[in-house]
C-alpha atoms as a PDB file:
ATOM      1  CA  UNK A   1      75.762  96.798  92.000  1.00  0.00           C
ATOM      2  CA  UNK A   2      76.349  94.256  94.594  1.00  0.00           C
ATOM      3  CA  UNK A   3      78.083  94.907  97.872  1.00  0.00           C
ATOM      4  CA  UNK A   4      81.853  94.752  97.694  1.00  0.00           C
ATOM      5  CA  UNK A   5      83.771  92.380  99.828  1.00  0.00           C
ATOM      6  CA  UNK A   6      86.516  94.166 101.712  1.00  0.00           C
ATOM      7  CA  UNK A   7      89.360  92.631 103.766  1.00  0.00           C
ATOM      8  CA  UNK A   8      90.571  94.857 106.664  1.00  0.00           C
ATOM      9  CA  UNK A   9      93.765  94.422 108.578  1.00  0.00           C
ATOM     10  CA  UNK A  10      96.431  96.350 110.309  1.00  0.00           C
ATOM     11  CA  UNK A  11     100.237  96.197 110.075  1.00  0.00           C
ATOM     12  CA  UNK A  12     100.314  96.406 113.827  1.00  0.00           C
ATOM     13  CA  UNK A  13      99.427  93.605 116.308  1.00  0.00           C
ATOM     14  CA  UNK A  14     100.336  95.651 119.462  1.00  0.00           C
ATOM     15  CA  UNK A  15      97.825  95.735 122.246  1.00  0.00           C
ATOM     16  CA  UNK A  16      95.962  99.030 122.114  1.00  0.00           C
ATOM     17  CA  UNK A  17      97.377  99.850 118.775  1.00  0.00           C
ATOM     18  CA  UNK A  18      96.191 103.293 117.410  1.00  0.00           C
ATOM     19  CA  UNK A  19      96.351 101.754 114.006  1.00  0.00           C
ATOM     20  CA  UNK A  20      93.953  98.989 114.936  1.00  0.00           C
ATOM     21  CA  UNK A  21      91.637 101.762 116.389  1.00  0.00           C
ATOM     22  CA  UNK A  22      91.905 103.577 112.996  1.00  0.00           C
ATOM     23  CA  UNK A  23      91.178 100.197 111.300  1.00  0.00           C
ATOM     24  CA  UNK A  24      87.992  99.813 113.405  1.00  0.00           C
ATOM     25  CA  UNK A  25      86.939 103.371 112.578  1.00  0.00           C
ATOM     26  CA  UNK A  26      87.494 102.524 108.820  1.00  0.00           C
ATOM     27  CA  UNK A  27      85.327  99.359 109.303  1.00  0.00           C
ATOM     28  CA  UNK A  28      82.473 101.372 110.707  1.00  0.00           C
ATOM     29  CA  UNK A  29      82.638 103.702 107.594  1.00  0.00           C
ATOM     30  CA  UNK A  30      82.748 100.749 105.261  1.00  0.00           C
ATOM     31  CA  UNK A  31      79.832  99.029 106.959  1.00  0.00           C
ATOM     32  CA  UNK A  32      77.748 102.125 106.621  1.00  0.00           C
ATOM     33  CA  UNK A  33      78.464 101.978 102.933  1.00  0.00           C
ATOM     34  CA  UNK A  34      77.072  98.345 102.817  1.00  0.00           C
ATOM     35  CA  UNK A  35      80.333  96.666 102.245  1.00  0.00           C
ATOM     36  CA  UNK A  36      80.768  93.092 103.280  1.00  0.00           C
ATOM     37  CA  UNK A  37      83.629  93.463 105.637  1.00  0.00           C
ATOM     38  CA  UNK A  38      86.064  90.780 106.970  1.00  0.00           C
ATOM     39  CA  UNK A  39      88.340  91.964 109.740  1.00  0.00           C
ATOM     40  CA  UNK A  40      91.451  89.936 110.523  1.00  0.00           C
ATOM     41  CA  UNK A  41      94.617  90.239 112.617  1.00  0.00           C
ATOM     42  CA  UNK A  42      98.043  89.412 111.145  1.00  0.00           C
ATOM     43  CA  UNK A  43      98.662  87.860 114.646  1.00  0.00           C
ATOM     44  CA  UNK A  44      96.570  84.883 113.523  1.00  0.00           C
ATOM     45  CA  UNK A  45      98.742  84.476 110.445  1.00  0.00           C
ATOM     46  CA  UNK A  46     102.198  84.169 112.087  1.00  0.00           C
ATOM     47  CA  UNK A  47     105.017  83.917 109.457  1.00  0.00           C
ATOM     48  CA  UNK A  48     108.750  83.448 109.708  1.00  0.00           C
ATOM     49  CA  UNK A  49     110.990  86.043 108.418  1.00  0.00           C
ATOM     50  CA  UNK A  50     111.254  85.555 104.663  1.00  0.00           C
ATOM     51  CA  UNK A  51     114.251  83.447 103.631  1.00  0.00           C
ATOM     52  CA  UNK A  52     114.718  82.084 100.200  1.00  0.00           C
ATOM     53  CA  UNK A  53     116.453  78.978 101.630  1.00  0.00           C
ATOM     54  CA  UNK A  54     113.458  78.297 103.884  1.00  0.00           C
ATOM     55  CA  UNK A  55     111.046  78.634 100.941  1.00  0.00           C
ATOM     56  CA  UNK A  56     113.097  76.195  98.878  1.00  0.00           C
ATOM     57  CA  UNK A  57     113.460  73.627 101.777  1.00  0.00           C
ATOM     58  CA  UNK A  58     109.960  73.932 103.326  1.00  0.00           C
ATOM     59  CA  UNK A  59     107.790  75.673 100.745  1.00  0.00           C
ATOM     60  CA  UNK A  60     105.565  78.712 101.272  1.00  0.00           C
ATOM     61  CA  UNK A  61     104.162  78.703 104.901  1.00  0.00           C
ATOM     62  CA  UNK A  62     100.596  77.621 105.283  1.00  0.00           C
ATOM     63  CA  UNK A  63      99.562  80.933 106.896  1.00  0.00           C
ATOM     64  CA  UNK A  64     100.888  82.859 103.794  1.00  0.00           C
ATOM     65  CA  UNK A  65      98.812  80.655 101.533  1.00  0.00           C
ATOM     66  CA  UNK A  66      95.626  80.949 103.785  1.00  0.00           C
ATOM     67  CA  UNK A  67      96.050  84.826 103.832  1.00  0.00           C
ATOM     68  CA  UNK A  68      96.724  85.064 100.059  1.00  0.00           C
ATOM     69  CA  UNK A  69      93.640  83.021  99.430  1.00  0.00           C
ATOM     70  CA  UNK A  70      91.555  85.056 101.658  1.00  0.00           C
ATOM     71  CA  UNK A  71      92.630  88.232 100.016  1.00  0.00           C
ATOM     72  CA  UNK A  72      91.893  86.696  96.631  1.00  0.00           C
ATOM     73  CA  UNK A  73      88.338  86.069  97.645  1.00  0.00           C
ATOM     74  CA  UNK A  74      87.706  89.821  98.382  1.00  0.00           C
ATOM     75  CA  UNK A  75      87.189  92.631  95.987  1.00  0.00           C
ATOM     76  CA  UNK A  76      89.396  95.034  97.865  1.00  0.00           C
ATOM     77  CA  UNK A  77      91.297  95.682 101.090  1.00  0.00           C
ATOM     78  CA  UNK A  78      91.909  98.407 103.679  1.00  0.00           C
ATOM     79  CA  UNK A  79      95.247  98.416 105.453  1.00  0.00           C
ATOM     80  CA  UNK A  80      96.180 100.603 108.329  1.00  0.00           C
ATOM     81  CA  UNK A  81      99.762 100.564 109.352  1.00  0.00           C
ATOM     82  CA  UNK A  82     102.282 102.298 111.669  1.00  0.00           C
ATOM     83  CA  UNK A  83     105.342 104.081 110.411  1.00  0.00           C
ATOM     84  CA  UNK A  84     108.787 102.693 111.487  1.00  0.00           C
ATOM     85  CA  UNK A  85     111.784 104.739 110.675  1.00  0.00           C
ATOM     86  CA  UNK A  86     109.936 106.379 107.781  1.00  0.00           C
ATOM     87  CA  UNK A  87     108.625 103.097 106.217  1.00  0.00           C
ATOM     88  CA  UNK A  88     106.743  99.930 106.800  1.00  0.00           C
ATOM     89  CA  UNK A  89     107.292  97.844 109.846  1.00  0.00           C
ATOM     90  CA  UNK A  90     108.824  94.372 109.410  1.00  0.00           C
ATOM     91  CA  UNK A  91     105.524  92.585 110.132  1.00  0.00           C
ATOM     92  CA  UNK A  92     103.813  94.308 107.079  1.00  0.00           C
ATOM     93  CA  UNK A  93     106.672  93.984 104.677  1.00  0.00           C
ATOM     94  CA  UNK A  94     107.241  90.314 105.595  1.00  0.00           C
ATOM     95  CA  UNK A  95     103.551  89.559 105.241  1.00  0.00           C
ATOM     96  CA  UNK A  96     103.487  91.135 101.837  1.00  0.00           C
ATOM     97  CA  UNK A  97     106.713  89.271 100.794  1.00  0.00           C
ATOM     98  CA  UNK A  98     105.446  85.834 101.773  1.00  0.00           C
ATOM     99  CA  UNK A  99     102.101  86.424 100.061  1.00  0.00           C
ATOM    100  CA  UNK A 100     103.821  87.111  96.790  1.00  0.00           C
ATOM    101  CA  UNK A 101     105.503  83.858  96.969  1.00  0.00           C
ATOM    102  CA  UNK A 102     102.291  81.882  96.799  1.00  0.00           C
ATOM    103  CA  UNK A 103     101.937  80.550  93.216  1.00  0.00           C
ATOM    104  CA  UNK A 104      99.544  82.589  91.098  1.00  0.00           C
ATOM    105  CA  UNK A 105      97.424  79.532  90.310  1.00  0.00           C
ATOM    106  CA  UNK A 106      96.617  79.264  93.988  1.00  0.00           C
ATOM    107  CA  UNK A 107      95.986  82.886  94.816  1.00  0.00           C
ATOM    108  CA  UNK A 108      96.262  86.447  93.486  1.00  0.00           C
ATOM    109  CA  UNK A 109      96.176  88.593  96.592  1.00  0.00           C
ATOM    110  CA  UNK A 110      97.137  91.818  95.156  1.00  0.00           C
ATOM    111  CA  UNK A 111      96.493  91.754  91.361  1.00  0.00           C
ATOM    112  CA  UNK A 112      93.417  93.613  90.219  1.00  0.00           C
ATOM    113  CA  UNK A 113      92.294  94.418  93.738  1.00  0.00           C
ATOM    114  CA  UNK A 114      91.242  97.861  94.954  1.00  0.00           C
ATOM    115  CA  UNK A 115      93.023  99.044  98.142  1.00  0.00           C
ATOM    116  CA  UNK A 116      92.860 101.891 100.640  1.00  0.00           C
ATOM    117  CA  UNK A 117      95.531 102.752 103.139  1.00  0.00           C
ATOM    118  CA  UNK A 118      95.707 104.616 106.388  1.00  0.00           C
ATOM    119  CA  UNK A 119      98.222 105.371 109.133  1.00  0.00           C
ATOM    120  CA  UNK A 120      97.988 106.645 112.639  1.00  0.00           C
ATOM    121  CA  UNK A 121     101.083 107.909 114.449  1.00  0.00           C
ATOM    122  CA  UNK A 122     101.857 109.493 117.836  1.00  0.00           C
ATOM    123  CA  UNK A 123     103.796 112.276 115.929  1.00  0.00           C
ATOM    124  CA  UNK A 124     102.339 115.087 114.056  1.00  0.00           C
ATOM    125  CA  UNK A 125     102.864 113.745 110.574  1.00  0.00           C
ATOM    126  CA  UNK A 126     100.514 110.736 110.898  1.00  0.00           C
ATOM    127  CA  UNK A 127     102.707 108.103 109.228  1.00  0.00           C
ATOM    128  CA  UNK A 128     102.658 109.907 105.781  1.00  0.00           C
ATOM    129  CA  UNK A 129     106.210 108.712 104.795  1.00  0.00           C
ATOM    130  CA  UNK A 130     105.108 105.054 105.287  1.00  0.00           C
ATOM    131  CA  UNK A 131     101.899 105.601 103.265  1.00  0.00           C
ATOM    132  CA  UNK A 132     104.060 106.623 100.295  1.00  0.00           C
ATOM    133  CA  UNK A 133     106.177 103.411 100.563  1.00  0.00           C
ATOM    134  CA  UNK A 134     103.129 101.145 101.108  1.00  0.00           C
ATOM    135  CA  UNK A 135     101.381 102.729  98.211  1.00  0.00           C
ATOM    136  CA  UNK A 136     104.377 102.167  95.904  1.00  0.00           C
ATOM    137  CA  UNK A 137     104.558  98.523  96.858  1.00  0.00           C
ATOM    138  CA  UNK A 138     100.840  97.726  96.471  1.00  0.00           C
ATOM    139  CA  UNK A 139     100.651  99.424  92.998  1.00  0.00           C
ATOM    140  CA  UNK A 140     103.761  97.496  91.823  1.00  0.00           C
ATOM    141  CA  UNK A 141     102.019  94.258  92.910  1.00  0.00           C
ATOM    142  CA  UNK A 142      99.001  95.124  90.696  1.00  0.00           C
ATOM    143  CA  UNK A 143      96.496  96.700  93.133  1.00  0.00           C
ATOM    144  CA  UNK A 144      94.515  99.894  92.377  1.00  0.00           C
ATOM    145  CA  UNK A 145      95.302 102.020  95.454  1.00  0.00           C
ATOM    146  CA  UNK A 146      92.613 104.771  95.746  1.00  0.00           C
ATOM    147  CA  UNK A 147      94.093 108.315  95.651  1.00  0.00           C
ATOM    148  CA  UNK A 148      92.268 109.148  98.901  1.00  0.00           C
ATOM    149  CA  UNK A 149      94.213 108.102 102.081  1.00  0.00           C
ATOM    150  CA  UNK A 150      94.130 109.010 105.772  1.00  0.00           C
ATOM    151  CA  UNK A 151      97.120 109.987 108.015  1.00  0.00           C
ATOM    152  CA  UNK A 152      96.187 110.697 111.560  1.00  0.00           C
ATOM    153  CA  UNK A 153      98.745 112.543 113.667  1.00  0.00           C
ATOM    154  CA  UNK A 154      98.895 112.796 117.537  1.00  0.00           C
ATOM    155  CA  UNK A 155      97.219 109.238 117.563  1.00  0.00           C
ATOM    156  CA  UNK A 156      97.057 108.770 121.360  1.00  0.00           C
ATOM    157  CA  UNK A 157      94.726 111.757 121.456  1.00  0.00           C
ATOM    158  CA  UNK A 158      92.964 111.188 118.114  1.00  0.00           C
ATOM    159  CA  UNK A 159      89.985 109.100 119.408  1.00  0.00           C
ATOM    160  CA  UNK A 160      87.143 109.554 121.784  1.00  0.00           C
ATOM    161  CA  UNK A 161      85.763 106.977 124.164  1.00  0.00           C
ATOM    162  CA  UNK A 162      83.869 105.416 121.370  1.00  0.00           C
ATOM    163  CA  UNK A 163      86.960 105.098 119.192  1.00  0.00           C
ATOM    164  CA  UNK A 164      85.740 107.779 116.746  1.00  0.00           C
ATOM    165  CA  UNK A 165      88.176 110.229 115.365  1.00  0.00           C
ATOM    166  CA  UNK A 166      88.046 113.604 117.227  1.00  0.00           C
ATOM    167  CA  UNK A 167      89.596 115.708 114.483  1.00  0.00           C
ATOM    168  CA  UNK A 168      86.854 116.609 111.932  1.00  0.00           C
ATOM    169  CA  UNK A 169      89.418 116.841 109.146  1.00  0.00           C
ATOM    170  CA  UNK A 170      90.811 113.385 109.849  1.00  0.00           C
ATOM    171  CA  UNK A 171      87.294 111.977 110.063  1.00  0.00           C
ATOM    172  CA  UNK A 172      86.539 113.470 106.622  1.00  0.00           C
ATOM    173  CA  UNK A 173      89.724 112.026 105.129  1.00  0.00           C
ATOM    174  CA  UNK A 174      88.651 108.511 106.485  1.00  0.00           C
ATOM    175  CA  UNK A 175      85.160 108.817 105.261  1.00  0.00           C
ATOM    176  CA  UNK A 176      86.430 109.901 101.744  1.00  0.00           C
ATOM    177  CA  UNK A 177      88.920 106.994 101.711  1.00  0.00           C
ATOM    178  CA  UNK A 178      86.390 104.423 102.648  1.00  0.00           C
ATOM    179  CA  UNK A 179      83.800 105.767 100.128  1.00  0.00           C
ATOM    180  CA  UNK A 180      86.296 105.751  97.405  1.00  0.00           C
ATOM    181  CA  UNK A 181      87.348 102.139  98.250  1.00  0.00           C
ATOM    182  CA  UNK A 182      83.797 101.031  98.368  1.00  0.00           C
ATOM    183  CA  UNK A 183      82.752 102.666  95.120  1.00  0.00           C
ATOM    184  CA  UNK A 184      85.716 101.464  93.047  1.00  0.00           C
ATOM    185  CA  UNK A 185      85.483  97.861  94.578  1.00  0.00           C
ATOM    186  CA  UNK A 186      81.830  97.793  93.610  1.00  0.00           C
ATOM    187  CA  UNK A 187      82.601  98.752  90.083  1.00  0.00           C
ATOM    188  CA  UNK A 188      85.138  96.014  89.902  1.00  0.00           C
ATOM    189  CA  UNK A 189      82.471  93.484  90.585  1.00  0.00           C
ATOM    190  CA  UNK A 190      80.487  94.651  87.555  1.00  0.00           C
END
C-alpha cells in the first residue's frame, strides 16, 4: 500500500486555538503512520459569506475552487473544529458550503474521501455536539467519516509544553482516530 495523502485543517483561525493545537497533535500521529500530510489554515482561503446572488453574479470564489481542488488531490482529511452554540462555527459551515458550489467536473472535495474529525473545548464535553453535526454533513456530502473521533474537554489544560495531550484517554482516542483514517485512506488508494 502506498502512503495516503491527508489534508489537515481546523475550523478555527484564532491565535492560540486549542483546536489548532489538537490538529497539530493529530498531524504528529498521522506522520508517525507514514501519511503524506498537508497542513493548511482556512485563514489562507478567505471566503465571503455564502450568498446565492453573489454566486450568480460573480461565480464561485477563487479560494473555494483552490480549496476544493486541494481536497480532491488528497485521499482523506482530518478536521478539528470548535463548537459554537452546540454546532459548527460559521467559518467551517461557510467553507463547506462554498466548496460544494464548485462544479463537480473541476473538483470533488468530499465525495469518496475518508475523513476524521476532532474537537477541543474549554468545557468538559469537548465539542461532542458539534462533532455529531459535522459528521452528518460530511457523510451527506459523500465522505466516509471513520467511526473513531476525538473530543477533548478542558482544552486550555489539555496540552503539555510540547503540545501533546496530557490526558491518556484523549491521547488514545486521537491515536485510534488517526490510525483508522490512515488505514482506510490507504485502502482507498488500492
